[in-house]
Amino acid sequence: MDSGTLSDESFSTYAKANFELVKIDEAENGVEFEKLGITSVPAVVILGSDGKEIARITGDPGPAELKAQLEAALQN
């Protein structure tokens, strides 16, 4: 995702304007992976301001697809 979707300028601008992005490395933060229930990578976990999970996106969707999935998650 780093070299594809997340490096796309249009997606990056959208994401930074609408979300607080946090990247967690499994090797360095295995406890966080476990706490979030991440079993495969890449994974995007969207949390609300209360810390509860709103949505989970796995795999490596392209920039337009990931943006659409994020927007749909925010509508729910």
PDB file of N, CA and C in Angstrom:
ATOM      1  N   MET A   1       0.811  -1.195   0.000  1.00  0.00           N
ATOM      2  CA  MET A   1       0.000   0.000   0.000  1.00  0.00           C
ATOM      3  C   MET A   1       0.857   1.263   0.000  1.00  0.00           C
ATOM      4  N   ASP A   2       2.005   1.211   0.667  1.00  0.00           N
ATOM      5  CA  ASP A   2       2.864   2.396   0.747  1.00  0.00           C
ATOM      6  C   ASP A   2       3.277   2.909  -0.621  1.00  0.00           C
ATOM      7  N   SER A   3       3.659   2.006  -1.511  1.00  0.00           N
ATOM      8  CA  SER A   3       4.161   2.434  -2.810  1.00  0.00           C
ATOM      9  C   SER A   3       3.048   2.613  -3.836  1.00  0.00           C
ATOM     10  N   GLY A   4       1.832   2.276  -3.481  1.00  0.00           N
ATOM     11  CA  GLY A   4       0.703   2.397  -4.410  1.00  0.00           C
ATOM     12  C   GLY A   4      -0.316   3.407  -3.912  1.00  0.00           C
ATOM     13  N   THR A   5      -1.349   2.882  -3.299  1.00  0.00           N
ATOM     14  CA  THR A   5      -2.483   3.701  -2.871  1.00  0.00           C
ATOM     15  C   THR A   5      -2.082   4.858  -1.974  1.00  0.00           C
ATOM     16  N   LEU A   6      -1.289   4.596  -0.949  1.00  0.00           N
ATOM     17  CA  LEU A   6      -0.957   5.650   0.010  1.00  0.00           C
ATOM     18  C   LEU A   6      -0.027   6.708  -0.562  1.00  0.00           C
ATOM     19  N   SER A   7       0.689   6.383  -1.632  1.00  0.00           N
ATOM     20  CA  SER A   7       1.574   7.378  -2.236  1.00  0.00           C
ATOM     21  C   SER A   7       0.881   8.169  -3.340  1.00  0.00           C
ATOM     22  N   ASP A   8      -0.355   7.801  -3.675  1.00  0.00           N
ATOM     23  CA  ASP A   8      -1.121   8.541  -4.675  1.00  0.00           C
ATOM     24  C   ASP A   8      -1.476   9.917  -4.118  1.00  0.00           C
ATOM     25  N   GLU A   9      -1.073  10.976  -4.810  1.00  0.00           N
ATOM     26  CA  GLU A   9      -1.235  12.338  -4.287  1.00  0.00           C
ATOM     27  C   GLU A   9      -2.690  12.701  -4.026  1.00  0.00           C
ATOM     28  N   SER A  10      -3.576  12.354  -4.927  1.00  0.00           N
ATOM     29  CA  SER A  10      -4.995  12.677  -4.750  1.00  0.00           C
ATOM     30  C   SER A  10      -5.573  11.959  -3.527  1.00  0.00           C
ATOM     31  N   PHE A  11      -5.267  10.653  -3.406  1.00  0.00           N
ATOM     32  CA  PHE A  11      -5.769   9.910  -2.258  1.00  0.00           C
ATOM     33  C   PHE A  11      -5.164  10.434  -0.964  1.00  0.00           C
ATOM     34  N   SER A  12      -3.869  10.681  -0.970  1.00  0.00           N
ATOM     35  CA  SER A  12      -3.171  11.162   0.222  1.00  0.00           C
ATOM     36  C   SER A  12      -3.773  12.481   0.720  1.00  0.00           C
ATOM     37  N   THR A  13      -4.051  13.391  -0.197  1.00  0.00           N
ATOM     38  CA  THR A  13      -4.660  14.681   0.160  1.00  0.00           C
ATOM     39  C   THR A  13      -6.030  14.460   0.793  1.00  0.00           C
ATOM     40  N   TYR A  14      -6.856  13.598   0.175  1.00  0.00           N
ATOM     41  CA  TYR A  14      -8.187  13.290   0.709  1.00  0.00           C
ATOM     42  C   TYR A  14      -8.095  12.673   2.100  1.00  0.00           C
ATOM     43  N   ALA A  15      -7.243  11.668   2.243  1.00  0.00           N
ATOM     44  CA  ALA A  15      -7.140  10.947   3.512  1.00  0.00           C
ATOM     45  C   ALA A  15      -6.655  11.855   4.636  1.00  0.00           C
ATOM     46  N   LYS A  16      -5.645  12.665   4.369  1.00  0.00           N
ATOM     47  CA  LYS A  16      -5.111  13.553   5.403  1.00  0.00           C
ATOM     48  C   LYS A  16      -6.123  14.616   5.821  1.00  0.00           C
ATOM     49  N   ALA A  17      -7.004  15.005   4.911  1.00  0.00           N
ATOM     50  CA  ALA A  17      -8.011  16.011   5.223  1.00  0.00           C
ATOM     51  C   ALA A  17      -9.181  15.445   6.027  1.00  0.00           C
ATOM     52  N   ASN A  18      -9.395  14.132   5.934  1.00  0.00           N
ATOM     53  CA  ASN A  18     -10.584  13.535   6.538  1.00  0.00           C
ATOM     54  C   ASN A  18     -10.333  12.520   7.639  1.00  0.00           C
ATOM     55  N   PHE A  19      -9.085  12.095   7.801  1.00  0.00           N
ATOM     56  CA  PHE A  19      -8.765  11.043   8.762  1.00  0.00           C
ATOM     57  C   PHE A  19      -7.461  11.342   9.469  1.00  0.00           C
ATOM     58  N   GLU A  20      -7.277  10.740  10.610  1.00  0.00           N
ATOM     59  CA  GLU A  20      -5.969  10.739  11.259  1.00  0.00           C
ATOM     60  C   GLU A  20      -5.337   9.403  10.906  1.00  0.00           C
ATOM     61  N   LEU A  21      -4.302   9.460  10.088  1.00  0.00           N
ATOM     62  CA  LEU A  21      -3.683   8.237   9.600  1.00  0.00           C
ATOM     63  C   LEU A  21      -2.618   7.752  10.572  1.00  0.00           C
ATOM     64  N   VAL A  22      -2.679   6.479  10.907  1.00  0.00           N
ATOM     65  CA  VAL A  22      -1.699   5.868  11.799  1.00  0.00           C
ATOM     66  C   VAL A  22      -1.243   4.564  11.156  1.00  0.00           C
ATOM     67  N   LYS A  23       0.047   4.450  10.943  1.00  0.00           N
ATOM     68  CA  LYS A  23       0.597   3.218  10.377  1.00  0.00           C
ATOM     69  C   LYS A  23       1.215   2.411  11.516  1.00  0.00           C
ATOM     70  N   ILE A  24       0.830   1.138  11.585  1.00  0.00           N
ATOM     71  CA  ILE A  24       1.342   0.260  12.627  1.00  0.00           C
ATOM     72  C   ILE A  24       2.125  -0.864  11.962  1.00  0.00           C
ATOM     73  N   ASP A  25       3.362  -1.032  12.358  1.00  0.00           N
ATOM     74  CA  ASP A  25       4.216  -2.104  11.852  1.00  0.00           C
ATOM     75  C   ASP A  25       4.067  -3.311  12.768  1.00  0.00           C
ATOM     76  N   GLU A  26       3.709  -4.446  12.187  1.00  0.00           N
ATOM     77  CA  GLU A  26       3.466  -5.649  12.993  1.00  0.00           C
ATOM     78  C   GLU A  26       4.687  -6.058  13.808  1.00  0.00           C
ATOM     79  N   ALA A  27       5.874  -5.974  13.221  1.00  0.00           N
ATOM     80  CA  ALA A  27       7.090  -6.392  13.919  1.00  0.00           C
ATOM     81  C   ALA A  27       7.359  -5.531  15.145  1.00  0.00           C
ATOM     82  N   GLU A  28       7.005  -4.261  15.059  1.00  0.00           N
ATOM     83  CA  GLU A  28       7.264  -3.339  16.164  1.00  0.00           C
ATOM     84  C   GLU A  28       6.082  -3.203  17.124  1.00  0.00           C
ATOM     85  N   ASN A  29       4.882  -3.482  16.652  1.00  0.00           N
ATOM     86  CA  ASN A  29       3.688  -3.255  17.456  1.00  0.00           C
ATOM     87  C   ASN A  29       2.724  -4.433  17.392  1.00  0.00           C
ATOM     88  N   GLY A  30       3.240  -5.626  17.640  1.00  0.00           N
ATOM     89  CA  GLY A  30       2.409  -6.820  17.593  1.00  0.00           C
ATOM     90  C   GLY A  30       1.215  -6.767  18.526  1.00  0.00           C
ATOM     91  N   VAL A  31       1.371  -6.096  19.658  1.00  0.00           N
ATOM     92  CA  VAL A  31       0.271  -5.974  20.625  1.00  0.00           C
ATOM     93  C   VAL A  31      -0.893  -5.198  20.013  1.00  0.00           C
ATOM     94  N   GLU A  32      -0.580  -4.126  19.274  1.00  0.00           N
ATOM     95  CA  GLU A  32      -1.635  -3.339  18.624  1.00  0.00           C
ATOM     96  C   GLU A  32      -2.335  -4.168  17.547  1.00  0.00           C
ATOM     97  N   PHE A  33      -1.573  -4.956  16.797  1.00  0.00           N
ATOM     98  CA  PHE A  33      -2.172  -5.831  15.799  1.00  0.00           C
ATOM     99  C   PHE A  33      -3.170  -6.760  16.460  1.00  0.00           C
ATOM    100  N   GLU A  34      -2.747  -7.352  17.565  1.00  0.00           N
ATOM    101  CA  GLU A  34      -3.611  -8.288  18.284  1.00  0.00           C
ATOM    102  C   GLU A  34      -4.847  -7.576  18.832  1.00  0.00           C
ATOM    103  N   LYS A  35      -4.631  -6.399  19.419  1.00  0.00           N
ATOM    104  CA  LYS A  35      -5.746  -5.644  19.997  1.00  0.00           C
ATOM    105  C   LYS A  35      -6.786  -5.276  18.930  1.00  0.00           C
ATOM    106  N   LEU A  36      -6.314  -4.958  17.723  1.00  0.00           N
ATOM    107  CA  LEU A  36      -7.226  -4.594  16.641  1.00  0.00           C
ATOM    108  C   LEU A  36      -7.747  -5.812  15.877  1.00  0.00           C
ATOM    109  N   GLY A  37      -7.241  -6.987  16.209  1.00  0.00           N
ATOM    110  CA  GLY A  37      -7.691  -8.203  15.544  1.00  0.00           C
ATOM    111  C   GLY A  37      -7.243  -8.304  14.100  1.00  0.00           C
ATOM    112  N   ILE A  38      -6.105  -7.720  13.773  1.00  0.00           N
ATOM    113  CA  ILE A  38      -5.592  -7.776  12.412  1.00  0.00           C
ATOM    114  C   ILE A  38      -4.918  -9.124  12.208  1.00  0.00           C
ATOM    115  N   THR A  39      -5.410  -9.869  11.223  1.00  0.00           N
ATOM    116  CA  THR A  39      -4.861 -11.191  10.955  1.00  0.00           C
ATOM    117  C   THR A  39      -4.191 -11.277   9.592  1.00  0.00           C
ATOM    118  N   SER A  40      -4.381 -10.262   8.760  1.00  0.00           N
ATOM    119  CA  SER A  40      -3.715 -10.237   7.461  1.00  0.00           C
ATOM    120  C   SER A  40      -3.395  -8.794   7.089  1.00  0.00           C
ATOM    121  N   VAL A  41      -2.380  -8.631   6.275  1.00  0.00           N
ATOM    122  CA  VAL A  41      -1.980  -7.302   5.845  1.00  0.00           C
ATOM    123  C   VAL A  41      -1.922  -7.261   4.325  1.00  0.00           C
ATOM    124  N   PRO A  42      -2.170  -6.119   3.738  1.00  0.00           N
ATOM    125  CA  PRO A  42      -2.481  -4.858   4.395  1.00  0.00           C
ATOM    126  C   PRO A  42      -3.919  -4.831   4.907  1.00  0.00           C
ATOM    127  N   ALA A  43      -4.131  -4.009   5.896  1.00  0.00           N
ATOM    128  CA  ALA A  43      -5.464  -3.827   6.474  1.00  0.00           C
ATOM    129  C   ALA A  43      -5.636  -2.371   6.870  1.00  0.00           C
ATOM    130  N   VAL A  44      -6.833  -1.864   6.665  1.00  0.00           N
ATOM    131  CA  VAL A  44      -7.194  -0.518   7.111  1.00  0.00           C
ATOM    132  C   VAL A  44      -8.327  -0.691   8.104  1.00  0.00           C
ATOM    133  N   VAL A  45      -8.140  -0.204   9.311  1.00  0.00           N
ATOM    134  CA  VAL A  45      -9.173  -0.273  10.335  1.00  0.00           C
ATOM    135  C   VAL A  45      -9.596   1.167  10.624  1.00  0.00           C
ATOM    136  N   ILE A  46     -10.887   1.434  10.472  1.00  0.00           N
ATOM    137  CA  ILE A  46     -11.403   2.775  10.699  1.00  0.00           C
ATOM    138  C   ILE A  46     -12.081   2.789  12.060  1.00  0.00           C
ATOM    139  N   LEU A  47     -11.576   3.669  12.926  1.00  0.00           N
ATOM    140  CA  LEU A  47     -12.122   3.801  14.270  1.00  0.00           C
ATOM    141  C   LEU A  47     -12.835   5.138  14.394  1.00  0.00           C
ATOM    142  N   GLY A  48     -13.927   5.151  15.127  1.00  0.00           N
ATOM    143  CA  GLY A  48     -14.619   6.390  15.406  1.00  0.00           C
ATOM    144  C   GLY A  48     -13.911   7.136  16.524  1.00  0.00           C
ATOM    145  N   SER A  49     -14.379   8.331  16.813  1.00  0.00           N
ATOM    146  CA  SER A  49     -13.760   9.134  17.865  1.00  0.00           C
ATOM    147  C   SER A  49     -13.862   8.463  19.226  1.00  0.00           C
ATOM    148  N   ASP A  50     -14.792   7.503  19.368  1.00  0.00           N
ATOM    149  CA  ASP A  50     -14.944   6.766  20.619  1.00  0.00           C
ATOM    150  C   ASP A  50     -14.024   5.539  20.675  1.00  0.00           C
ATOM    151  N   GLY A  51     -13.238   5.320  19.604  1.00  0.00           N
ATOM    152  CA  GLY A  51     -12.326   4.186  19.562  1.00  0.00           C
ATOM    153  C   GLY A  51     -12.945   2.893  19.083  1.00  0.00           C
ATOM    154  N   LYS A  52     -14.236   2.914  18.758  1.00  0.00           N
ATOM    155  CA  LYS A  52     -14.903   1.699  18.281  1.00  0.00           C
ATOM    156  C   LYS A  52     -14.738   1.574  16.769  1.00  0.00           C
ATOM    157  N   GLU A  53     -14.607   0.333  16.324  1.00  0.00           N
ATOM    158  CA  GLU A  53     -14.407   0.082  14.907  1.00  0.00           C
ATOM    159  C   GLU A  53     -15.655   0.425  14.100  1.00  0.00           C
ATOM    160  N   ILE A  54     -15.446   1.189  13.031  1.00  0.00           N
ATOM    161  CA  ILE A  54     -16.518   1.543  12.104  1.00  0.00           C
ATOM    162  C   ILE A  54     -16.488   0.616  10.892  1.00  0.00           C
ATOM    163  N   ALA A  55     -15.273   0.358  10.404  1.00  0.00           N
ATOM    164  CA  ALA A  55     -15.127  -0.493   9.218  1.00  0.00           C
ATOM    165  C   ALA A  55     -13.725  -1.070   9.161  1.00  0.00           C
ATOM    166  N   ARG A  56     -13.590  -2.101   8.343  1.00  0.00           N
ATOM    167  CA  ARG A  56     -12.301  -2.768   8.150  1.00  0.00           C
ATOM    168  C   ARG A  56     -12.186  -3.088   6.663  1.00  0.00           C
ATOM    169  N   ILE A  57     -11.056  -2.721   6.099  1.00  0.00           N
ATOM    170  CA  ILE A  57     -10.802  -2.962   4.680  1.00  0.00           C
ATOM    171  C   ILE A  57      -9.493  -3.745   4.593  1.00  0.00           C
ATOM    172  N   THR A  58      -9.536  -4.890   3.924  1.00  0.00           N
ATOM    173  CA  THR A  58      -8.325  -5.687   3.787  1.00  0.00           C
ATOM    174  C   THR A  58      -7.927  -5.761   2.320  1.00  0.00           C
ATOM    175  N   GLY A  59      -6.700  -6.129   2.087  1.00  0.00           N
ATOM    176  CA  GLY A  59      -6.197  -6.187   0.726  1.00  0.00           C
ATOM    177  C   GLY A  59      -5.567  -4.862   0.336  1.00  0.00           C
ATOM    178  N   ASP A  60      -5.317  -4.705  -0.943  1.00  0.00           N
ATOM    179  CA  ASP A  60      -4.640  -3.509  -1.442  1.00  0.00           C
ATOM    180  C   ASP A  60      -5.447  -2.883  -2.570  1.00  0.00           C
ATOM    181  N   PRO A  61      -6.586  -2.269  -2.216  1.00  0.00           N
ATOM    182  CA  PRO A  61      -7.391  -1.633  -3.255  1.00  0.00           C
ATOM    183  C   PRO A  61      -6.660  -0.418  -3.832  1.00  0.00           C
ATOM    184  N   GLY A  62      -6.998  -0.061  -5.035  1.00  0.00           N
ATOM    185  CA  GLY A  62      -6.413   1.130  -5.635  1.00  0.00           C
ATOM    186  C   GLY A  62      -6.946   2.379  -4.952  1.00  0.00           C
ATOM    187  N   PRO A  63      -6.372   3.532  -5.255  1.00  0.00           N
ATOM    188  CA  PRO A  63      -6.762   4.786  -4.600  1.00  0.00           C
ATOM    189  C   PRO A  63      -8.254   5.103  -4.712  1.00  0.00           C
ATOM    190  N   ALA A  64      -8.817   4.990  -5.903  1.00  0.00           N
ATOM    191  CA  ALA A  64     -10.243   5.329  -6.090  1.00  0.00           C
ATOM    192  C   ALA A  64     -11.135   4.362  -5.319  1.00  0.00           C
ATOM    193  N   GLU A  65     -10.796   3.074  -5.353  1.00  0.00           N
ATOM    194  CA  GLU A  65     -11.600   2.073  -4.642  1.00  0.00           C
ATOM    195  C   GLU A  65     -11.526   2.272  -3.130  1.00  0.00           C
ATOM    196  N   LEU A  66     -10.323   2.533  -2.607  1.00  0.00           N
ATOM    197  CA  LEU A  66     -10.188   2.740  -1.166  1.00  0.00           C
ATOM    198  C   LEU A  66     -10.935   3.995  -0.732  1.00  0.00           C
ATOM    199  N   LYS A  67     -10.841   5.060  -1.513  1.00  0.00           N
ATOM    200  CA  LYS A  67     -11.573   6.294  -1.184  1.00  0.00           C
ATOM    201  C   LYS A  67     -13.074   6.023  -1.147  1.00  0.00           C
ATOM    202  N   ALA A  68     -13.587   5.290  -2.113  1.00  0.00           N
ATOM    203  CA  ALA A  68     -15.015   4.955  -2.141  1.00  0.00           C
ATOM    204  C   ALA A  68     -15.406   4.134  -0.916  1.00  0.00           C
ATOM    205  N   GLN A  69     -14.561   3.180  -0.534  1.00  0.00           N
ATOM    206  CA  GLN A  69     -14.854   2.349   0.639  1.00  0.00           C
ATOM    207  C   GLN A  69     -14.824   3.184   1.921  1.00  0.00           C
ATOM    208  N   LEU A  70     -13.886   4.114   2.017  1.00  0.00           N
ATOM    209  CA  LEU A  70     -13.817   4.987   3.200  1.00  0.00           C
ATOM    210  C   LEU A  70     -15.047   5.879   3.279  1.00  0.00           C
ATOM    211  N   GLU A  71     -15.447   6.449   2.150  1.00  0.00           N
ATOM    212  CA  GLU A  71     -16.632   7.311   2.135  1.00  0.00           C
ATOM    213  C   GLU A  71     -17.879   6.523   2.517  1.00  0.00           C
ATOM    214  N   ALA A  72     -18.003   5.299   2.024  1.00  0.00           N
ATOM    215  CA  ALA A  72     -19.146   4.446   2.367  1.00  0.00           C
ATOM    216  C   ALA A  72     -19.156   4.125   3.853  1.00  0.00           C
ATOM    217  N   ALA A  73     -17.977   3.858   4.414  1.00  0.00           N
ATOM    218  CA  ALA A  73     -17.887   3.557   5.846  1.00  0.00           C
ATOM    219  C   ALA A  73     -18.336   4.746   6.697  1.00  0.00           C
ATOM    220  N   LEU A  74     -18.015   5.935   6.256  1.00  0.00           N
ATOM    221  CA  LEU A  74     -18.397   7.130   7.018  1.00  0.00           C
ATOM    222  C   LEU A  74     -19.906   7.390   6.952  1.00  0.00           C
ATOM    223  N   GLN A  75     -20.551   6.896   5.917  1.00  0.00           N
ATOM    224  CA  GLN A  75     -22.007   7.076   5.763  1.00  0.00           C
ATOM    225  C   GLN A  75     -22.797   6.164   6.686  1.00  0.00           C
ATOM    226  N   ASN A  76     -22.171   5.085   7.130  1.00  0.00           N
ATOM    227  CA  ASN A  76     -22.870   4.097   7.985  1.00  0.00           C
ATOM    228  C   ASN A  76     -22.876   4.499   9.425  1.00  0.00           C
TER     229      ASN A  76
END
